[in-house]
Amino acid sequence: MHTDKQFNAATIERLGEQSGWLLKRYRSEFAKDPDSQATKSSRSNLIALLHTIHQVYGASISEDVTNALGSTDLPAESNK
């Protein structure tokens, strides 16, 4: 049986990998064209996942995942 600590570590690792992939995708799209639909979609997907993690797993896990990612500061969308 897994302890809460083991479960949390495995959960954080898995969620960190998934979030990291989306963050990498967003940064790649942003570097190509900050105003493209692909950039907006990638940004939206990342925000949605981080929000869902917070809702499903709670603030503690959400904070751990965000910390594992490093900076997730996303530039505001332009209104072109």
N, C-alpha and C. Protein backbone atom coordinates (compact mmCIF):
# COMPACT_ATOMS: atom_id res chain seq x y z
N MET A 1 0.84 -1.17 0.00
CA MET A 1 0.00 0.00 0.00
C MET A 1 0.89 1.24 0.00
N HIS A 2 0.49 2.23 -0.78
CA HIS A 2 1.25 3.47 -0.85
C HIS A 2 0.90 4.38 0.31
N THR A 3 1.92 5.07 0.83
CA THR A 3 1.64 6.09 1.83
C THR A 3 1.25 7.36 1.10
N ASP A 4 0.66 8.29 1.84
CA ASP A 4 0.29 9.57 1.23
C ASP A 4 1.50 10.26 0.64
N LYS A 5 2.63 10.18 1.32
CA LYS A 5 3.84 10.85 0.84
C LYS A 5 4.29 10.25 -0.49
N GLN A 6 4.27 8.92 -0.61
CA GLN A 6 4.66 8.27 -1.86
C GLN A 6 3.66 8.62 -2.96
N PHE A 7 2.39 8.58 -2.63
CA PHE A 7 1.37 8.92 -3.61
C PHE A 7 1.56 10.34 -4.10
N ASN A 8 1.79 11.24 -3.18
CA ASN A 8 1.98 12.64 -3.56
C ASN A 8 3.21 12.83 -4.44
N ALA A 9 4.30 12.16 -4.11
CA ALA A 9 5.52 12.29 -4.91
C ALA A 9 5.29 11.76 -6.32
N ALA A 10 4.64 10.62 -6.45
CA ALA A 10 4.35 10.06 -7.77
C ALA A 10 3.38 10.94 -8.54
N THR A 11 2.39 11.45 -7.85
CA THR A 11 1.41 12.33 -8.48
C THR A 11 2.06 13.61 -8.97
N ILE A 12 2.87 14.21 -8.11
CA ILE A 12 3.55 15.45 -8.48
C ILE A 12 4.48 15.22 -9.67
N GLU A 13 5.19 14.11 -9.67
CA GLU A 13 6.10 13.81 -10.77
C GLU A 13 5.32 13.67 -12.09
N ARG A 14 4.24 12.90 -12.07
CA ARG A 14 3.44 12.69 -13.28
C ARG A 14 2.82 13.99 -13.77
N LEU A 15 2.22 14.74 -12.85
CA LEU A 15 1.60 16.00 -13.23
C LEU A 15 2.63 17.02 -13.69
N GLY A 16 3.81 16.98 -13.07
CA GLY A 16 4.89 17.87 -13.48
C GLY A 16 5.35 17.59 -14.90
N GLU A 17 5.43 16.30 -15.24
CA GLU A 17 5.83 15.93 -16.61
C GLU A 17 4.80 16.42 -17.62
N GLN A 18 3.53 16.21 -17.31
CA GLN A 18 2.47 16.64 -18.22
C GLN A 18 2.44 18.16 -18.35
N SER A 19 2.53 18.84 -17.24
CA SER A 19 2.52 20.31 -17.25
C SER A 19 3.76 20.84 -17.95
N GLY A 20 4.88 20.20 -17.70
CA GLY A 20 6.14 20.61 -18.33
C GLY A 20 6.08 20.51 -19.84
N TRP A 21 5.44 19.43 -20.32
CA TRP A 21 5.30 19.28 -21.77
C TRP A 21 4.47 20.42 -22.34
N LEU A 22 3.37 20.77 -21.67
CA LEU A 22 2.53 21.87 -22.16
C LEU A 22 3.25 23.21 -22.08
N LEU A 23 4.03 23.42 -21.02
CA LEU A 23 4.79 24.66 -20.89
C LEU A 23 5.84 24.77 -22.00
N LYS A 24 6.51 23.66 -22.27
CA LYS A 24 7.52 23.64 -23.34
C LYS A 24 6.86 23.95 -24.69
N ARG A 25 5.70 23.34 -24.93
CA ARG A 25 4.96 23.57 -26.17
C ARG A 25 4.56 25.04 -26.29
N TYR A 26 4.04 25.60 -25.20
CA TYR A 26 3.64 27.00 -25.22
C TYR A 26 4.83 27.91 -25.54
N ARG A 27 5.94 27.69 -24.86
CA ARG A 27 7.13 28.53 -25.09
C ARG A 27 7.63 28.42 -26.52
N SER A 28 7.57 27.23 -27.09
CA SER A 28 7.98 27.02 -28.48
C SER A 28 7.07 27.79 -29.43
N GLU A 29 5.78 27.69 -29.22
CA GLU A 29 4.83 28.41 -30.07
C GLU A 29 4.97 29.92 -29.90
N PHE A 30 5.18 30.36 -28.66
CA PHE A 30 5.33 31.79 -28.40
C PHE A 30 6.56 32.34 -29.10
N ALA A 31 7.64 31.56 -29.11
CA ALA A 31 8.87 32.00 -29.77
C ALA A 31 8.68 32.14 -31.29
N LYS A 32 7.84 31.29 -31.86
CA LYS A 32 7.56 31.37 -33.30
C LYS A 32 6.71 32.58 -33.65
N ASP A 33 5.60 32.73 -32.91
CA ASP A 33 4.66 33.83 -33.19
C ASP A 33 3.78 34.03 -31.97
N PRO A 34 4.06 35.09 -31.20
CA PRO A 34 3.30 35.33 -29.97
C PRO A 34 1.80 35.51 -30.17
N ASP A 35 1.38 35.88 -31.36
CA ASP A 35 -0.04 36.16 -31.61
C ASP A 35 -0.75 35.07 -32.40
N SER A 36 -0.09 33.94 -32.62
CA SER A 36 -0.71 32.88 -33.42
C SER A 36 -1.80 32.14 -32.63
N GLN A 37 -2.66 31.48 -33.37
CA GLN A 37 -3.70 30.67 -32.74
C GLN A 37 -3.07 29.51 -31.97
N ALA A 38 -1.97 28.96 -32.48
CA ALA A 38 -1.29 27.85 -31.78
C ALA A 38 -0.76 28.31 -30.42
N THR A 39 -0.24 29.53 -30.36
CA THR A 39 0.25 30.07 -29.10
C THR A 39 -0.90 30.26 -28.13
N LYS A 40 -1.99 30.83 -28.60
CA LYS A 40 -3.16 31.05 -27.74
C LYS A 40 -3.72 29.72 -27.24
N SER A 41 -3.77 28.73 -28.10
CA SER A 41 -4.29 27.42 -27.72
C SER A 41 -3.38 26.75 -26.70
N SER A 42 -2.07 26.82 -26.92
CA SER A 42 -1.11 26.23 -25.98
C SER A 42 -1.20 26.89 -24.62
N ARG A 43 -1.32 28.20 -24.62
CA ARG A 43 -1.45 28.95 -23.36
C ARG A 43 -2.72 28.54 -22.63
N SER A 44 -3.81 28.46 -23.36
CA SER A 44 -5.08 28.07 -22.77
C SER A 44 -5.03 26.66 -22.19
N ASN A 45 -4.42 25.73 -22.93
CA ASN A 45 -4.30 24.36 -22.44
C ASN A 45 -3.50 24.28 -21.15
N LEU A 46 -2.41 25.02 -21.07
CA LEU A 46 -1.57 25.03 -19.87
C LEU A 46 -2.34 25.61 -18.68
N ILE A 47 -2.99 26.72 -18.90
CA ILE A 47 -3.77 27.34 -17.82
C ILE A 47 -4.87 26.40 -17.35
N ALA A 48 -5.54 25.76 -18.29
CA ALA A 48 -6.63 24.83 -17.94
C ALA A 48 -6.10 23.65 -17.12
N LEU A 49 -4.95 23.10 -17.51
CA LEU A 49 -4.40 21.98 -16.76
C LEU A 49 -4.01 22.41 -15.35
N LEU A 50 -3.34 23.54 -15.22
CA LEU A 50 -2.93 24.00 -13.90
C LEU A 50 -4.16 24.28 -13.02
N HIS A 51 -5.20 24.83 -13.60
CA HIS A 51 -6.44 25.06 -12.85
C HIS A 51 -7.07 23.74 -12.42
N THR A 52 -7.10 22.78 -13.33
CA THR A 52 -7.68 21.47 -13.03
C THR A 52 -6.90 20.77 -11.94
N ILE A 53 -5.58 20.84 -11.99
CA ILE A 53 -4.75 20.24 -10.94
C ILE A 53 -5.11 20.84 -9.60
N HIS A 54 -5.28 22.15 -9.57
CA HIS A 54 -5.64 22.81 -8.32
C HIS A 54 -7.01 22.34 -7.82
N GLN A 55 -7.96 22.22 -8.73
CA GLN A 55 -9.32 21.82 -8.35
C GLN A 55 -9.38 20.36 -7.90
N VAL A 56 -8.67 19.48 -8.59
CA VAL A 56 -8.75 18.04 -8.31
C VAL A 56 -7.87 17.64 -7.13
N TYR A 57 -6.64 18.14 -7.10
CA TYR A 57 -5.67 17.68 -6.11
C TYR A 57 -5.47 18.63 -4.95
N GLY A 58 -5.96 19.86 -5.08
CA GLY A 58 -5.85 20.81 -3.99
C GLY A 58 -4.65 21.74 -4.13
N ALA A 59 -4.63 22.71 -3.24
CA ALA A 59 -3.62 23.77 -3.30
C ALA A 59 -2.20 23.25 -3.08
N SER A 60 -2.04 22.30 -2.18
CA SER A 60 -0.71 21.80 -1.84
C SER A 60 -0.04 21.13 -3.04
N ILE A 61 -0.74 20.22 -3.69
CA ILE A 61 -0.19 19.52 -4.86
C ILE A 61 0.00 20.53 -5.99
N SER A 62 -0.96 21.41 -6.17
CA SER A 62 -0.87 22.41 -7.22
C SER A 62 0.38 23.26 -7.05
N GLU A 63 0.63 23.68 -5.84
CA GLU A 63 1.82 24.49 -5.55
C GLU A 63 3.09 23.69 -5.81
N ASP A 64 3.11 22.43 -5.40
CA ASP A 64 4.28 21.59 -5.64
C ASP A 64 4.56 21.42 -7.13
N VAL A 65 3.52 21.21 -7.92
CA VAL A 65 3.68 21.05 -9.36
C VAL A 65 4.20 22.35 -9.97
N THR A 66 3.61 23.46 -9.59
CA THR A 66 4.05 24.76 -10.10
C THR A 66 5.50 25.03 -9.73
N ASN A 67 5.88 24.72 -8.50
CA ASN A 67 7.27 24.90 -8.07
C ASN A 67 8.21 24.01 -8.86
N ALA A 68 7.78 22.79 -9.17
CA ALA A 68 8.61 21.88 -9.94
C ALA A 68 8.84 22.39 -11.36
N LEU A 69 7.88 23.13 -11.89
CA LEU A 69 8.01 23.68 -13.24
C LEU A 69 8.94 24.88 -13.30
N GLY A 70 9.15 25.51 -12.18
CA GLY A 70 9.90 26.76 -12.19
C GLY A 70 8.94 27.89 -12.54
N SER A 71 9.40 28.83 -13.31
CA SER A 71 8.57 29.98 -13.68
C SER A 71 7.49 29.57 -14.67
N THR A 72 6.26 29.83 -14.33
CA THR A 72 5.15 29.62 -15.27
C THR A 72 4.50 30.94 -15.62
N ASP A 73 5.23 32.03 -15.39
CA ASP A 73 4.68 33.34 -15.74
C ASP A 73 4.39 33.38 -17.23
N LEU A 74 3.16 33.65 -17.55
CA LEU A 74 2.75 33.69 -18.94
C LEU A 74 2.44 35.13 -19.31
N PRO A 75 2.98 35.59 -20.44
CA PRO A 75 2.65 36.95 -20.85
C PRO A 75 1.15 37.07 -21.11
N ALA A 76 0.63 38.24 -20.87
CA ALA A 76 -0.79 38.48 -21.14
C ALA A 76 -1.01 38.36 -22.64
N GLU A 77 -2.19 37.89 -23.01
CA GLU A 77 -2.53 37.80 -24.41
C GLU A 77 -2.64 39.19 -25.01
N SER A 78 -2.14 39.32 -26.23
CA SER A 78 -2.29 40.61 -26.90
C SER A 78 -3.69 40.69 -27.47
N ASN A 79 -4.18 41.88 -27.61
CA ASN A 79 -5.54 42.08 -28.11
C ASN A 79 -5.52 42.66 -29.52
N LYS A 80 -4.73 42.05 -30.37
CA LYS A 80 -4.64 42.51 -31.76
C LYS A 80 -5.86 42.14 -32.52
